[in-house]
PDB file of N, CA and C in Angstrom:
ATOM      1  N   UNK A   1       0.864  -1.231   0.059  1.00  0.00           N
ATOM      2  CA  UNK A   1       0.009  -0.099   0.293  1.00  0.00           C
ATOM      3  C   UNK A   1       0.964   1.296   0.121  1.00  0.00           C
ATOM      4  N   UNK A   2       2.028   1.230   0.827  1.00  0.00           N
ATOM      5  CA  UNK A   2       2.726   2.527   1.071  1.00  0.00           C
ATOM      6  C   UNK A   2       3.355   2.542  -0.424  1.00  0.00           C
ATOM      7  N   UNK A   3       3.959   1.597  -1.022  1.00  0.00           N
ATOM      8  CA  UNK A   3       4.734   1.980  -2.311  1.00  0.00           C
ATOM      9  C   UNK A   3       3.648   2.333  -3.226  1.00  0.00           C
ATOM     10  N   UNK A   4       2.301   1.831  -3.519  1.00  0.00           N
ATOM     11  CA  UNK A   4       1.223   2.142  -4.462  1.00  0.00           C
ATOM     12  C   UNK A   4       1.276   3.998  -4.135  1.00  0.00           C
ATOM     13  N   UNK A   5       1.306   4.368  -2.761  1.00  0.00           N
ATOM     14  CA  UNK A   5       0.776   5.767  -2.594  1.00  0.00           C
ATOM     15  C   UNK A   5       1.914   6.684  -3.106  1.00  0.00           C
ATOM     16  N   UNK A   6       3.119   6.141  -2.678  1.00  0.00           N
ATOM     17  CA  UNK A   6       4.139   6.769  -3.053  1.00  0.00           C
ATOM     18  C   UNK A   6       4.409   7.193  -4.597  1.00  0.00           C
ATOM     19  N   UNK A   7       4.060   5.880  -5.337  1.00  0.00           N
ATOM     20  CA  UNK A   7       4.541   5.873  -6.781  1.00  0.00           C
ATOM     21  C   UNK A   7       3.378   6.724  -7.239  1.00  0.00           C
ATOM     22  N   UNK A   8       2.246   6.812  -6.796  1.00  0.00           N
ATOM     23  CA  UNK A   8       1.146   7.935  -7.352  1.00  0.00           C
ATOM     24  C   UNK A   8       1.399   9.301  -7.008  1.00  0.00           C
ATOM     25  N   UNK A   9       1.972   9.625  -5.817  1.00  0.00           N
ATOM     26  CA  UNK A   9       2.417  10.930  -5.535  1.00  0.00           C
ATOM     27  C   UNK A   9       3.592  11.444  -6.437  1.00  0.00           C
ATOM     28  N   UNK A  10       4.562  10.444  -6.951  1.00  0.00           N
ATOM     29  CA  UNK A  10       5.547  10.772  -7.784  1.00  0.00           C
ATOM     30  C   UNK A  10       4.793  11.567  -9.079  1.00  0.00           C
ATOM     31  N   UNK A  11       4.019  10.587  -9.531  1.00  0.00           N
ATOM     32  CA  UNK A  11       3.102  11.284 -10.893  1.00  0.00           C
ATOM     33  C   UNK A  11       2.641  12.384 -10.586  1.00  0.00           C
ATOM     34  N   UNK A  12       1.961  12.765  -9.503  1.00  0.00           N
ATOM     35  CA  UNK A  12       1.242  13.965  -9.410  1.00  0.00           C
ATOM     36  C   UNK A  12       2.329  15.146  -9.191  1.00  0.00           C
ATOM     37  N   UNK A  13       3.360  14.819  -8.537  1.00  0.00           N
ATOM     38  CA  UNK A  13       4.557  15.801  -8.256  1.00  0.00           C
ATOM     39  C   UNK A  13       5.110  16.395  -9.533  1.00  0.00           C
ATOM     40  N   UNK A  14       5.127  15.351 -10.575  1.00  0.00           N
ATOM     41  CA  UNK A  14       5.852  15.876 -11.725  1.00  0.00           C
ATOM     42  C   UNK A  14       4.749  17.109 -12.493  1.00  0.00           C
ATOM     43  N   UNK A  15       3.450  17.068 -12.157  1.00  0.00           N
ATOM     44  CA  UNK A  15       2.765  18.241 -12.637  1.00  0.00           C
ATOM     45  C   UNK A  15       2.604  19.380 -11.848  1.00  0.00           C
ATOM     46  N   UNK A  16       3.046  19.483 -10.686  1.00  0.00           N
ATOM     47  CA  UNK A  16       2.766  20.672 -10.211  1.00  0.00           C
ATOM     48  C   UNK A  16       4.261  21.209  -9.539  1.00  0.00           C
ATOM     49  N   UNK A  17       4.169  22.749  -9.575  1.00  0.00           N
ATOM     50  CA  UNK A  17       5.227  23.484  -8.908  1.00  0.00           C
ATOM     51  C   UNK A  17       4.502  24.708  -8.146  1.00  0.00           C
ATOM     52  N   UNK A  18       4.338  24.536  -6.830  1.00  0.00           N
ATOM     53  CA  UNK A  18       3.627  25.547  -6.113  1.00  0.00           C
ATOM     54  C   UNK A  18       4.593  26.451  -5.637  1.00  0.00           C
ATOM     55  N   UNK A  19       4.582  27.913  -6.120  1.00  0.00           N
ATOM     56  CA  UNK A  19       5.102  28.900  -5.779  1.00  0.00           C
ATOM     57  C   UNK A  19       4.404  29.977  -5.181  1.00  0.00           C
ATOM     58  N   UNK A  20       3.149  30.155  -5.547  1.00  0.00           N
ATOM     59  CA  UNK A  20       2.453  31.260  -4.925  1.00  0.00           C
ATOM     60  C   UNK A  20       1.133  31.236  -5.441  1.00  0.00           C
ATOM     61  N   UNK A  21       0.388  32.303  -5.291  1.00  0.00           N
ATOM     62  CA  UNK A  21      -0.812  32.310  -5.695  1.00  0.00           C
ATOM     63  C   UNK A  21      -1.059  33.600  -6.643  1.00  0.00           C
ATOM     64  N   UNK A  22      -1.709  33.221  -7.787  1.00  0.00           N
ATOM     65  CA  UNK A  22      -2.008  34.513  -8.719  1.00  0.00           C
ATOM     66  C   UNK A  22      -3.351  34.873  -8.912  1.00  0.00           C
ATOM     67  N   UNK A  23      -3.477  36.078  -8.882  1.00  0.00           N
ATOM     68  CA  UNK A  23      -4.917  36.816  -9.002  1.00  0.00           C
ATOM     69  C   UNK A  23      -5.224  37.159 -10.421  1.00  0.00           C
ATOM     70  N   UNK A  24      -6.328  37.544 -10.672  1.00  0.00           N
ATOM     71  CA  UNK A  24      -7.058  37.752 -11.825  1.00  0.00           C
ATOM     72  C   UNK A  24      -6.070  38.807 -12.856  1.00  0.00           C
ATOM     73  N   UNK A  25      -5.387  39.576 -12.001  1.00  0.00           N
ATOM     74  CA  UNK A  25      -4.682  40.699 -12.737  1.00  0.00           C
ATOM     75  C   UNK A  25      -2.915  39.934 -13.035  1.00  0.00           C
ATOM     76  N   UNK A  26      -3.133  38.670 -12.868  1.00  0.00           N
ATOM     77  CA  UNK A  26      -1.432  37.941 -12.932  1.00  0.00           C
ATOM     78  C   UNK A  26      -0.576  38.392 -12.112  1.00  0.00           C
ATOM     79  N   UNK A  27      -0.914  38.957 -10.593  1.00  0.00           N
ATOM     80  CA  UNK A  27       0.071  39.212  -9.760  1.00  0.00           C
ATOM     81  C   UNK A  27       0.136  37.940  -9.087  1.00  0.00           C
ATOM     82  N   UNK A  28       1.535  37.620  -8.718  1.00  0.00           N
ATOM     83  CA  UNK A  28       1.901  36.497  -7.876  1.00  0.00           C
ATOM     84  C   UNK A  28       2.241  36.761  -6.382  1.00  0.00           C
ATOM     85  N   UNK A  29       1.432  36.188  -5.685  1.00  0.00           N
ATOM     86  CA  UNK A  29       1.673  36.327  -4.249  1.00  0.00           C
ATOM     87  C   UNK A  29       2.368  34.939  -3.726  1.00  0.00           C
ATOM     88  N   UNK A  30       3.769  35.280  -3.070  1.00  0.00           N
ATOM     89  CA  UNK A  30       4.354  34.130  -2.593  1.00  0.00           C
ATOM     90  C   UNK A  30       3.817  33.425  -1.520  1.00  0.00           C
ATOM     91  N   UNK A  31       3.776  31.864  -1.265  1.00  0.00           N
ATOM     92  CA  UNK A  31       3.247  31.462  -0.241  1.00  0.00           C
ATOM     93  C   UNK A  31       3.750  31.617   1.034  1.00  0.00           C
ATOM     94  N   UNK A  32       3.466  32.063   1.943  1.00  0.00           N
ATOM     95  CA  UNK A  32       3.846  32.186   3.246  1.00  0.00           C
ATOM     96  C   UNK A  32       4.021  30.517   4.027  1.00  0.00           C
ATOM     97  N   UNK A  33       4.370  30.829   5.357  1.00  0.00           N
ATOM     98  CA  UNK A  33       4.741  29.589   6.312  1.00  0.00           C
ATOM     99  C   UNK A  33       3.195  29.456   6.976  1.00  0.00           C
ATOM    100  N   UNK A  34       2.195  29.806   6.664  1.00  0.00           N
ATOM    101  CA  UNK A  34       0.923  29.591   7.536  1.00  0.00           C
ATOM    102  C   UNK A  34       0.480  27.986   7.460  1.00  0.00           C
ATOM    103  N   UNK A  35       0.460  27.350   8.593  1.00  0.00           N
ATOM    104  CA  UNK A  35       0.145  25.937   8.439  1.00  0.00           C
ATOM    105  C   UNK A  35      -1.182  25.640   7.726  1.00  0.00           C
ATOM    106  N   UNK A  36      -2.112  26.453   8.011  1.00  0.00           N
ATOM    107  CA  UNK A  36      -3.443  26.380   7.172  1.00  0.00           C
ATOM    108  C   UNK A  36      -3.348  26.464   5.749  1.00  0.00           C
ATOM    109  N   UNK A  37      -2.510  27.356   5.007  1.00  0.00           N
ATOM    110  CA  UNK A  37      -2.524  27.456   3.756  1.00  0.00           C
ATOM    111  C   UNK A  37      -1.556  26.242   3.368  1.00  0.00           C
ATOM    112  N   UNK A  38      -0.554  25.685   3.980  1.00  0.00           N
ATOM    113  CA  UNK A  38       0.257  24.784   3.587  1.00  0.00           C
ATOM    114  C   UNK A  38      -0.496  23.399   3.548  1.00  0.00           C
ATOM    115  N   UNK A  39      -1.494  23.278   4.461  1.00  0.00           N
ATOM    116  CA  UNK A  39      -2.346  22.073   4.392  1.00  0.00           C
ATOM    117  C   UNK A  39      -3.324  21.964   3.445  1.00  0.00           C
ATOM    118  N   UNK A  40      -3.940  23.159   3.204  1.00  0.00           N
ATOM    119  CA  UNK A  40      -4.805  23.068   1.835  1.00  0.00           C
ATOM    120  C   UNK A  40      -4.164  22.912   0.572  1.00  0.00           C
ATOM    121  N   UNK A  41      -2.887  23.374   0.498  1.00  0.00           N
ATOM    122  CA  UNK A  41      -2.396  22.959  -0.847  1.00  0.00           C
ATOM    123  C   UNK A  41      -1.794  21.695  -0.658  1.00  0.00           C
ATOM    124  N   UNK A  42      -1.598  21.157   0.421  1.00  0.00           N
ATOM    125  CA  UNK A  42      -1.210  19.730   0.220  1.00  0.00           C
ATOM    126  C   UNK A  42      -2.218  18.736   0.068  1.00  0.00           C
ATOM    127  N   UNK A  43      -3.427  19.382   0.430  1.00  0.00           N
ATOM    128  CA  UNK A  43      -4.869  18.479   0.368  1.00  0.00           C
ATOM    129  C   UNK A  43      -5.032  18.420  -1.325  1.00  0.00           C
ATOM    130  N   UNK A  44      -4.634  19.709  -1.793  1.00  0.00           N
ATOM    131  CA  UNK A  44      -4.851  19.756  -3.258  1.00  0.00           C
ATOM    132  C   UNK A  44      -4.120  18.837  -4.171  1.00  0.00           C
ATOM    133  N   UNK A  45      -2.767  18.997  -3.858  1.00  0.00           N
ATOM    134  CA  UNK A  45      -1.827  18.149  -4.808  1.00  0.00           C
ATOM    135  C   UNK A  45      -1.792  16.796  -4.444  1.00  0.00           C
ATOM    136  N   UNK A  46      -2.106  16.295  -3.129  1.00  0.00           N
ATOM    137  CA  UNK A  46      -2.216  14.831  -2.973  1.00  0.00           C
ATOM    138  C   UNK A  46      -3.541  14.175  -3.221  1.00  0.00           C
ATOM    139  N   UNK A  47      -4.503  15.111  -3.204  1.00  0.00           N
ATOM    140  CA  UNK A  47      -5.853  14.509  -3.626  1.00  0.00           C
ATOM    141  C   UNK A  47      -6.171  13.586  -4.905  1.00  0.00           C
ATOM    142  N   UNK A  48      -5.326  14.223  -6.015  1.00  0.00           N
ATOM    143  CA  UNK A  48      -5.308  13.173  -7.312  1.00  0.00           C
ATOM    144  C   UNK A  48      -4.780  11.691  -6.859  1.00  0.00           C
ATOM    145  N   UNK A  49      -3.557  11.834  -6.146  1.00  0.00           N
ATOM    146  CA  UNK A  49      -2.618  10.715  -6.110  1.00  0.00           C
ATOM    147  C   UNK A  49      -3.714   9.753  -5.098  1.00  0.00           C
ATOM    148  N   UNK A  50      -4.351  10.140  -4.121  1.00  0.00           N
ATOM    149  CA  UNK A  50      -5.134   9.489  -3.281  1.00  0.00           C
ATOM    150  C   UNK A  50      -6.650   8.736  -3.850  1.00  0.00           C
ATOM    151  N   UNK A  51      -6.906   9.636  -4.899  1.00  0.00           N
ATOM    152  CA  UNK A  51      -8.063   9.107  -5.522  1.00  0.00           C
ATOM    153  C   UNK A  51      -7.546   8.074  -6.446  1.00  0.00           C
ATOM    154  N   UNK A  52      -6.412   8.183  -7.284  1.00  0.00           N
ATOM    155  CA  UNK A  52      -5.948   7.372  -8.221  1.00  0.00           C
ATOM    156  C   UNK A  52      -5.622   5.826  -7.272  1.00  0.00           C
ATOM    157  N   UNK A  53      -5.089   5.895  -6.178  1.00  0.00           N
ATOM    158  CA  UNK A  53      -4.716   4.513  -5.293  1.00  0.00           C
ATOM    159  C   UNK A  53      -5.904   4.031  -5.079  1.00  0.00           C
ATOM    160  N   UNK A  54      -7.039   4.762  -4.817  1.00  0.00           N
ATOM    161  CA  UNK A  54      -8.286   4.337  -4.350  1.00  0.00           C
ATOM    162  C   UNK A  54      -9.071   3.440  -5.427  1.00  0.00           C
ATOM    163  N   UNK A  55      -8.856   4.015  -6.622  1.00  0.00           N
ATOM    164  CA  UNK A  55      -9.238   3.331  -7.707  1.00  0.00           C
ATOM    165  C   UNK A  55      -8.717   1.941  -8.319  1.00  0.00           C
ATOM    166  N   UNK A  56      -7.390   2.130  -7.898  1.00  0.00           N
ATOM    167  CA  UNK A  56      -6.860   1.147  -8.340  1.00  0.00           C
ATOM    168  C   UNK A  56      -6.898  -0.399  -7.288  1.00  0.00           C
TER     169      UNK A  56
END
């Protein structure tokens, strides 16, 4: 199970590079170290890997 999840995460990580938040005017705001922001971004990035693992 662990190896399958790690493999799914590797595939997802290749598609994401989180550097900040972009608004409608294309201004980039860098990410801070707020744990709430970090946890939400972690959920967004890993959700695809978890769903992929669950379907297999």
